[in-house]
Amino acid sequence: MEDRKQHLYIFFTLFLVTLLFTRCDEFKLSPVTKVETGEATSLATSITVEGEIIDLSGKGNDDHGFCYSTDHNDPSIDDDNISKGKPQTGKFTGNIEGLK
């Protein structure tokens, strides 16, 4: 029994020493740019669109604007787009013309 207590004592001592000398790395979250899509007002063959940049903490914020397509419902930067230049926080608008 005394031998078992000695083994447990050694085990817990080594465990505590390991905890003391183990270094934990800090967990860091990568910032993400936050954008909201605003209202769209249709004017026959054109539309005025609105957006708002809430936070520019993310990386790769070289440009901002609107992407659109007259062919499908999931436009990307590879489709037609309106560039508004270097982004900054706040609301922005754009006019899309030549719609069908």
C-alpha atoms as a PDB file:
ATOM      1  CA  MET A   1       0.000   0.000   0.000  1.00  0.00           C
ATOM      2  CA  GLU A   2       2.847   2.350   0.868  1.00  0.00           C
ATOM      3  CA  ASP A   3       4.399   1.624  -2.544  1.00  0.00           C
ATOM      4  CA  ARG A   4       1.168   2.575  -4.287  1.00  0.00           C
ATOM      5  CA  LYS A   5       0.985   5.910  -2.427  1.00  0.00           C
ATOM      6  CA  GLN A   6       4.543   6.656  -3.457  1.00  0.00           C
ATOM      7  CA  HIS A   7       3.740   5.945  -7.124  1.00  0.00           C
ATOM      8  CA  LEU A   8       0.663   8.205  -6.971  1.00  0.00           C
ATOM      9  CA  TYR A   9       2.714  10.948  -5.320  1.00  0.00           C
ATOM     10  CA  ILE A  10       5.356  10.737  -8.071  1.00  0.00           C
ATOM     11  CA  PHE A  11       2.687  10.692 -10.796  1.00  0.00           C
ATOM     12  CA  PHE A  12       0.883  13.787  -9.457  1.00  0.00           C
ATOM     13  CA  THR A  13       4.159  15.612  -8.882  1.00  0.00           C
ATOM     14  CA  LEU A  14       5.235  14.990 -12.480  1.00  0.00           C
ATOM     15  CA  PHE A  15       1.768  15.968 -13.694  1.00  0.00           C
ATOM     16  CA  LEU A  16       1.882  19.282 -11.813  1.00  0.00           C
ATOM     17  CA  VAL A  17       5.420  20.032 -13.012  1.00  0.00           C
ATOM     18  CA  THR A  18       4.298  19.346 -16.580  1.00  0.00           C
ATOM     19  CA  LEU A  19       1.370  21.747 -16.161  1.00  0.00           C
ATOM     20  CA  LEU A  20       3.643  24.455 -14.783  1.00  0.00           C
ATOM     21  CA  PHE A  21       6.105  24.263 -17.656  1.00  0.00           C
ATOM     22  CA  THR A  22       3.652  23.720 -20.493  1.00  0.00           C
ATOM     23  CA  ARG A  23       3.146  26.852 -22.534  1.00  0.00           C
ATOM     24  CA  CYS A  24      -0.214  27.552 -24.131  1.00  0.00           C
ATOM     25  CA  ASP A  25      -0.280  29.599 -27.324  1.00  0.00           C
ATOM     26  CA  GLU A  26      -2.739  32.458 -27.411  1.00  0.00           C
ATOM     27  CA  PHE A  27      -5.748  31.803 -29.631  1.00  0.00           C
ATOM     28  CA  LYS A  28      -6.193  34.655 -32.110  1.00  0.00           C
ATOM     29  CA  LEU A  29      -9.198  35.254 -34.331  1.00  0.00           C
ATOM     30  CA  SER A  30      -8.662  36.769 -37.761  1.00  0.00           C
ATOM     31  CA  PRO A  31     -10.714  39.928 -38.248  1.00  0.00           C
ATOM     32  CA  VAL A  32     -13.431  39.825 -40.875  1.00  0.00           C
ATOM     33  CA  THR A  33     -14.735  42.731 -42.942  1.00  0.00           C
ATOM     34  CA  LYS A  34     -18.440  43.338 -42.293  1.00  0.00           C
ATOM     35  CA  VAL A  35     -20.744  44.648 -45.023  1.00  0.00           C
ATOM     36  CA  GLU A  36     -24.528  45.093 -45.124  1.00  0.00           C
ATOM     37  CA  THR A  37     -26.614  45.245 -48.276  1.00  0.00           C
ATOM     38  CA  GLY A  38     -29.127  48.092 -48.287  1.00  0.00           C
ATOM     39  CA  GLU A  39     -32.243  48.867 -50.263  1.00  0.00           C
ATOM     40  CA  ALA A  40     -32.559  48.758 -54.039  1.00  0.00           C
ATOM     41  CA  THR A  41     -34.826  51.187 -55.882  1.00  0.00           C
ATOM     42  CA  SER A  42     -35.868  50.245 -59.418  1.00  0.00           C
ATOM     43  CA  LEU A  43     -36.295  52.955 -62.068  1.00  0.00           C
ATOM     44  CA  ALA A  44     -37.438  51.127 -65.243  1.00  0.00           C
ATOM     45  CA  THR A  45     -34.130  49.961 -66.849  1.00  0.00           C
ATOM     46  CA  SER A  46     -31.886  51.147 -64.022  1.00  0.00           C
ATOM     47  CA  ILE A  47     -31.631  50.586 -60.296  1.00  0.00           C
ATOM     48  CA  THR A  48     -30.024  52.447 -57.404  1.00  0.00           C
ATOM     49  CA  VAL A  49     -28.374  50.108 -54.900  1.00  0.00           C
ATOM     50  CA  GLU A  50     -27.072  50.826 -51.427  1.00  0.00           C
ATOM     51  CA  GLY A  51     -24.559  49.135 -49.147  1.00  0.00           C
ATOM     52  CA  GLU A  52     -22.710  49.881 -45.949  1.00  0.00           C
ATOM     53  CA  ILE A  53     -19.222  48.916 -44.798  1.00  0.00           C
ATOM     54  CA  ILE A  54     -19.396  48.432 -41.053  1.00  0.00           C
ATOM     55  CA  ASP A  55     -15.888  47.155 -40.295  1.00  0.00           C
ATOM     56  CA  LEU A  56     -12.696  46.988 -42.380  1.00  0.00           C
ATOM     57  CA  SER A  57     -10.677  44.765 -40.041  1.00  0.00           C
ATOM     58  CA  GLY A  58     -10.279  41.968 -42.584  1.00  0.00           C
ATOM     59  CA  LYS A  59      -7.431  41.663 -45.069  1.00  0.00           C
ATOM     60  CA  GLY A  60      -7.562  42.358 -48.805  1.00  0.00           C
ATOM     61  CA  ASN A  61      -9.781  45.443 -48.740  1.00  0.00           C
ATOM     62  CA  ASP A  62      -8.541  46.946 -52.016  1.00  0.00           C
ATOM     63  CA  ASP A  63     -11.855  47.965 -53.561  1.00  0.00           C
ATOM     64  CA  HIS A  64     -15.572  48.002 -52.862  1.00  0.00           C
ATOM     65  CA  GLY A  65     -18.731  48.259 -54.914  1.00  0.00           C
ATOM     66  CA  PHE A  66     -21.494  46.112 -56.343  1.00  0.00           C
ATOM     67  CA  CYS A  67     -21.502  42.939 -58.452  1.00  0.00           C
ATOM     68  CA  TYR A  68     -24.519  42.102 -60.573  1.00  0.00           C
ATOM     69  CA  SER A  69     -25.678  39.852 -63.360  1.00  0.00           C
ATOM     70  CA  THR A  70     -28.576  39.912 -65.790  1.00  0.00           C
ATOM     71  CA  ASP A  71     -28.059  36.192 -66.528  1.00  0.00           C
ATOM     72  CA  HIS A  72     -28.189  34.505 -63.105  1.00  0.00           C
ATOM     73  CA  ASN A  73     -29.030  35.103 -59.417  1.00  0.00           C
ATOM     74  CA  ASP A  74     -25.582  34.589 -57.882  1.00  0.00           C
ATOM     75  CA  PRO A  75     -23.293  37.358 -59.192  1.00  0.00           C
ATOM     76  CA  SER A  76     -19.587  37.515 -58.365  1.00  0.00           C
ATOM     77  CA  ILE A  77     -16.694  39.863 -59.085  1.00  0.00           C
ATOM     78  CA  ASP A  78     -16.283  38.041 -62.418  1.00  0.00           C
ATOM     79  CA  ASP A  79     -19.702  39.363 -63.568  1.00  0.00           C
ATOM     80  CA  ASP A  80     -20.636  42.988 -64.206  1.00  0.00           C
ATOM     81  CA  ASN A  81     -19.666  45.264 -61.346  1.00  0.00           C
ATOM     82  CA  ILE A  82     -19.534  48.855 -60.185  1.00  0.00           C
ATOM     83  CA  SER A  83     -16.258  49.783 -58.507  1.00  0.00           C
ATOM     84  CA  LYS A  84     -16.422  52.478 -55.852  1.00  0.00           C
ATOM     85  CA  GLY A  85     -12.652  52.609 -55.225  1.00  0.00           C
ATOM     86  CA  LYS A  86     -10.724  52.360 -51.972  1.00  0.00           C
ATOM     87  CA  PRO A  87     -13.111  51.264 -49.213  1.00  0.00           C
ATOM     88  CA  GLN A  88     -13.894  53.150 -46.034  1.00  0.00           C
ATOM     89  CA  THR A  89     -16.552  52.565 -43.411  1.00  0.00           C
ATOM     90  CA  GLY A  90     -19.979  54.049 -44.045  1.00  0.00           C
ATOM     91  CA  LYS A  91     -22.811  53.882 -46.561  1.00  0.00           C
ATOM     92  CA  PHE A  92     -22.305  53.928 -50.325  1.00  0.00           C
ATOM     93  CA  THR A  93     -24.605  53.833 -53.338  1.00  0.00           C
ATOM     94  CA  GLY A  94     -24.354  52.969 -57.003  1.00  0.00           C
ATOM     95  CA  ASN A  95     -26.524  53.089 -60.117  1.00  0.00           C
ATOM     96  CA  ILE A  96     -26.866  50.037 -62.347  1.00  0.00           C
ATOM     97  CA  GLU A  97     -28.133  50.966 -65.804  1.00  0.00           C
ATOM     98  CA  GLY A  98     -29.054  49.076 -68.951  1.00  0.00           C
ATOM     99  CA  LEU A  99     -31.195  46.452 -67.224  1.00  0.00           C
ATOM    100  CA  LYS A 100     -33.811  44.470 -69.110  1.00  0.00           C
END
